[in-house]
Amino acid sequence: MTETTRGHVLPTPSQTVGPFYGYALPFPEGEQIAPKGHPDQITLHGYVLDGEGKPIPDAVLEFWQAAPDGSLKGAPGSLRRNPVTGGYLGRNGTDFTGFGRVATDADGHYALYTLPPGNTGLPYISVCVFARGLLHHLYTRAYLADGADPLLDSLPDGRRATLVAQPGERRTYRFDIRLQGEGETVFLEFP
């Protein structure tokens, strides 16, 4: 409570502490999981949308995936900060890292440059969403193909489609993330 000079007590105004995602979490070339110019590079892109279908301009997405050979190791040091450049030591432009972090732009759009995942079963990229209004971050998957998969098979057809990225031209995949409302993306819960 705040006391005025006349002795009245007024409620303290509410305070917000963020989100500072666009400032604190992204790092140089966080969208570049694959080496630039790699002939097998694919692009996963789309929009992060709120419950009314409006783009969210300040969301941050983290991506994890298997390497094309199926390994989960990634480049050593890909998350260790370089104090000189502000980048990450394992991001040397030649090694596959397996991890990326991307902020949405003013239109709520993101783009990730990677290689096709070599995980067992259907290829997918794991996604973690940080956005204003979320008390906890959300997990989902972007499948690059539709087919037999235990997770996808457990979902009704309308919900299943929210996890399957749509292939486009020149090795691109469109994967929109809807946080709530009609067409809400399926989010995963881990124990």
Protein backbone atom coordinates (compact mmCIF):
# COMPACT_ATOMS: atom_id res chain seq x y z
CA MET A 1 0.00 0.00 0.00
CA THR A 2 1.14 3.52 -0.72
CA GLU A 3 0.42 6.35 1.72
CA THR A 4 -0.32 9.80 0.32
CA THR A 5 0.65 13.11 1.96
CA ARG A 6 -2.94 13.48 3.26
CA GLY A 7 -2.78 10.22 5.19
CA HIS A 8 -4.89 8.21 2.77
CA VAL A 9 -3.70 4.76 1.84
CA LEU A 10 -3.89 3.85 -1.85
CA PRO A 11 -3.33 0.43 -3.36
CA THR A 12 0.15 -0.09 -4.77
CA PRO A 13 -0.02 -0.32 -8.56
CA SER A 14 0.65 -3.74 -10.03
CA GLN A 15 4.07 -4.34 -11.50
CA THR A 16 5.14 -6.48 -14.40
CA VAL A 17 8.56 -7.98 -14.62
CA GLY A 18 8.59 -8.81 -18.29
CA PRO A 19 8.51 -10.52 -20.52
CA PHE A 20 12.12 -9.82 -21.28
CA TYR A 21 12.39 -12.85 -23.53
CA GLY A 22 13.35 -10.79 -26.57
CA TYR A 23 16.18 -9.22 -24.63
CA ALA A 24 17.59 -11.93 -22.40
CA LEU A 25 17.13 -15.27 -24.14
CA PRO A 26 17.90 -14.97 -27.87
CA PHE A 27 21.52 -15.13 -28.97
CA PRO A 28 23.33 -14.50 -32.26
CA GLU A 29 22.40 -17.08 -34.92
CA GLY A 30 20.20 -19.02 -32.50
CA GLU A 31 18.00 -19.92 -35.45
CA GLN A 32 20.90 -21.60 -37.26
CA ILE A 33 21.04 -25.23 -36.07
CA ALA A 34 22.54 -26.42 -39.36
CA PRO A 35 25.69 -24.99 -40.92
CA LYS A 36 24.80 -22.16 -43.31
CA GLY A 37 24.53 -23.27 -46.92
CA HIS A 38 24.39 -26.99 -46.08
CA PRO A 39 22.81 -28.75 -49.11
CA ASP A 40 20.36 -30.68 -46.90
CA GLN A 41 19.20 -27.64 -44.91
CA ILE A 42 15.47 -27.33 -44.25
CA THR A 43 13.53 -24.37 -42.91
CA LEU A 44 10.84 -24.71 -40.26
CA HIS A 45 8.82 -21.51 -39.99
CA GLY A 46 5.44 -20.22 -38.93
CA TYR A 47 3.57 -17.93 -36.58
CA VAL A 48 2.86 -17.99 -32.86
CA LEU A 49 -0.79 -16.98 -32.38
CA ASP A 50 -2.90 -16.12 -29.34
CA GLY A 51 -6.44 -17.30 -28.60
CA GLU A 52 -7.94 -14.76 -31.00
CA GLY A 53 -5.61 -15.79 -33.82
CA LYS A 54 -3.48 -12.65 -33.47
CA PRO A 55 0.30 -12.94 -33.84
CA ILE A 56 2.45 -12.75 -30.71
CA PRO A 57 5.43 -10.48 -31.48
CA ASP A 58 7.50 -11.26 -28.38
CA ALA A 59 7.45 -15.04 -28.00
CA VAL A 60 10.63 -17.10 -27.85
CA LEU A 61 10.85 -20.68 -29.10
CA GLU A 62 13.47 -23.27 -28.22
CA PHE A 63 14.06 -26.24 -30.50
CA TRP A 64 15.77 -29.57 -29.84
CA GLN A 65 16.20 -32.36 -32.33
CA ALA A 66 18.17 -35.44 -33.27
CA ALA A 67 20.98 -35.08 -35.80
CA PRO A 68 20.45 -36.64 -39.25
CA ASP A 69 22.32 -39.76 -38.02
CA GLY A 70 19.90 -40.07 -35.06
CA SER A 71 22.37 -38.96 -32.39
CA LEU A 72 21.27 -36.52 -29.69
CA LYS A 73 24.66 -35.17 -28.70
CA GLY A 74 24.92 -31.95 -30.75
CA ALA A 75 28.07 -29.85 -30.99
CA PRO A 76 30.09 -29.60 -27.78
CA GLY A 77 29.72 -26.22 -26.13
CA SER A 78 26.73 -25.17 -28.22
CA LEU A 79 25.16 -23.64 -25.11
CA ARG A 80 28.35 -22.16 -23.58
CA ARG A 81 28.45 -18.35 -23.86
CA ASN A 82 31.36 -16.65 -25.64
CA PRO A 83 32.13 -13.57 -23.47
CA VAL A 84 33.76 -11.71 -26.38
CA THR A 85 31.06 -11.96 -29.06
CA GLY A 86 28.00 -12.74 -26.93
CA GLY A 87 27.44 -15.79 -29.15
CA TYR A 88 27.89 -19.41 -28.25
CA LEU A 89 31.20 -21.22 -28.56
CA GLY A 90 29.79 -24.36 -30.21
CA ARG A 91 28.13 -22.31 -32.96
CA ASN A 92 31.04 -22.13 -35.33
CA GLY A 93 29.02 -22.23 -38.55
CA THR A 94 30.18 -25.71 -39.50
CA ASP A 95 28.84 -28.08 -36.83
CA PHE A 96 25.28 -29.29 -36.31
CA THR A 97 24.20 -28.21 -32.79
CA GLY A 98 20.81 -29.88 -32.26
CA PHE A 99 19.56 -26.83 -30.32
CA GLY A 100 18.16 -23.48 -31.39
CA ARG A 101 16.43 -20.49 -29.84
CA VAL A 102 14.40 -18.04 -31.92
CA ALA A 103 12.37 -14.95 -31.06
CA THR A 104 9.29 -14.12 -33.09
CA ASP A 105 9.45 -10.91 -35.12
CA ALA A 106 6.97 -7.99 -34.96
CA ASP A 107 4.52 -10.05 -37.03
CA GLY A 108 4.75 -13.10 -34.73
CA HIS A 109 6.79 -15.06 -37.31
CA TYR A 110 9.81 -17.28 -36.66
CA ALA A 111 12.19 -19.26 -38.87
CA LEU A 112 14.59 -22.06 -37.95
CA TYR A 113 17.31 -23.43 -40.26
CA THR A 114 18.24 -27.03 -39.57
CA LEU A 115 18.80 -30.49 -41.03
CA PRO A 116 16.18 -33.24 -41.24
CA PRO A 117 16.01 -35.03 -37.87
CA GLY A 118 17.09 -38.66 -37.89
CA ASN A 119 15.16 -39.85 -34.86
CA THR A 120 13.53 -43.27 -34.83
CA GLY A 121 10.01 -43.23 -36.28
CA LEU A 122 8.51 -40.11 -37.83
CA PRO A 123 10.90 -37.14 -38.00
CA TYR A 124 10.05 -34.40 -35.52
CA ILE A 125 11.54 -31.36 -33.82
CA SER A 126 10.75 -30.68 -30.16
CA VAL A 127 9.54 -27.15 -29.41
CA CYS A 128 9.29 -25.17 -26.16
CA VAL A 129 7.22 -21.96 -26.17
CA PHE A 130 7.84 -18.95 -23.90
CA ALA A 131 5.32 -16.11 -24.26
CA ARG A 132 3.60 -13.40 -22.28
CA GLY A 133 0.65 -14.59 -20.31
CA LEU A 134 2.09 -18.07 -19.84
CA LEU A 135 2.90 -18.95 -16.26
CA HIS A 136 4.79 -22.03 -17.46
CA HIS A 137 6.41 -22.66 -20.81
CA LEU A 138 4.68 -25.11 -23.16
CA TYR A 139 6.11 -28.15 -24.96
CA THR A 140 5.03 -29.50 -28.33
CA ARG A 141 6.42 -31.24 -31.39
CA ALA A 142 6.61 -30.29 -35.04
CA TYR A 143 6.34 -33.49 -37.07
CA LEU A 144 7.79 -33.18 -40.57
CA ALA A 145 5.64 -36.04 -41.89
CA ASP A 146 2.33 -37.66 -41.03
CA GLY A 147 2.08 -41.39 -40.45
CA ALA A 148 2.10 -44.03 -37.75
CA ASP A 149 3.36 -42.65 -34.44
CA PRO A 150 2.26 -43.48 -30.88
CA LEU A 151 1.67 -39.83 -29.95
CA LEU A 152 -0.09 -38.86 -33.18
CA ASP A 153 -2.15 -42.08 -33.17
CA SER A 154 -3.49 -41.23 -29.69
CA LEU A 155 -5.04 -37.97 -30.94
CA PRO A 156 -8.31 -37.31 -32.80
CA ASP A 157 -7.80 -36.26 -36.44
CA GLY A 158 -8.50 -32.56 -35.81
CA ARG A 159 -5.97 -32.39 -32.97
CA ARG A 160 -3.40 -34.55 -34.77
CA ALA A 161 -3.11 -31.97 -37.56
CA THR A 162 -1.88 -29.34 -35.08
CA LEU A 163 1.40 -31.26 -34.68
CA VAL A 164 2.14 -31.87 -38.37
CA ALA A 165 4.12 -29.21 -40.23
CA GLN A 166 2.96 -28.54 -43.78
CA PRO A 167 5.64 -29.04 -46.46
CA GLY A 168 6.24 -26.15 -48.83
CA GLU A 169 8.58 -25.26 -51.66
CA ARG A 170 12.36 -25.43 -51.42
CA ARG A 171 12.60 -27.70 -48.38
CA THR A 172 10.40 -25.53 -46.13
CA TYR A 173 7.85 -26.60 -43.53
CA ARG A 174 5.14 -24.37 -42.07
CA PHE A 175 4.30 -24.95 -38.41
CA ASP A 176 1.99 -22.43 -36.73
CA ILE A 177 1.57 -22.58 -32.96
CA ARG A 178 -1.82 -21.56 -31.55
CA LEU A 179 -1.70 -21.07 -27.79
CA GLN A 180 -5.44 -21.50 -27.22
CA GLY A 181 -8.84 -21.40 -28.89
CA GLU A 182 -9.94 -23.04 -32.11
CA GLY A 183 -7.14 -25.09 -33.64
CA GLU A 184 -5.09 -24.93 -30.42
CA THR A 185 -1.79 -26.76 -30.79
CA VAL A 186 -1.48 -29.97 -28.79
CA PHE A 187 0.88 -29.32 -25.88
CA LEU A 188 2.67 -32.10 -24.07
CA GLU A 189 2.95 -32.66 -20.35
CA PHE A 190 5.96 -34.35 -18.85
CA PRO A 191 5.86 -35.95 -15.39
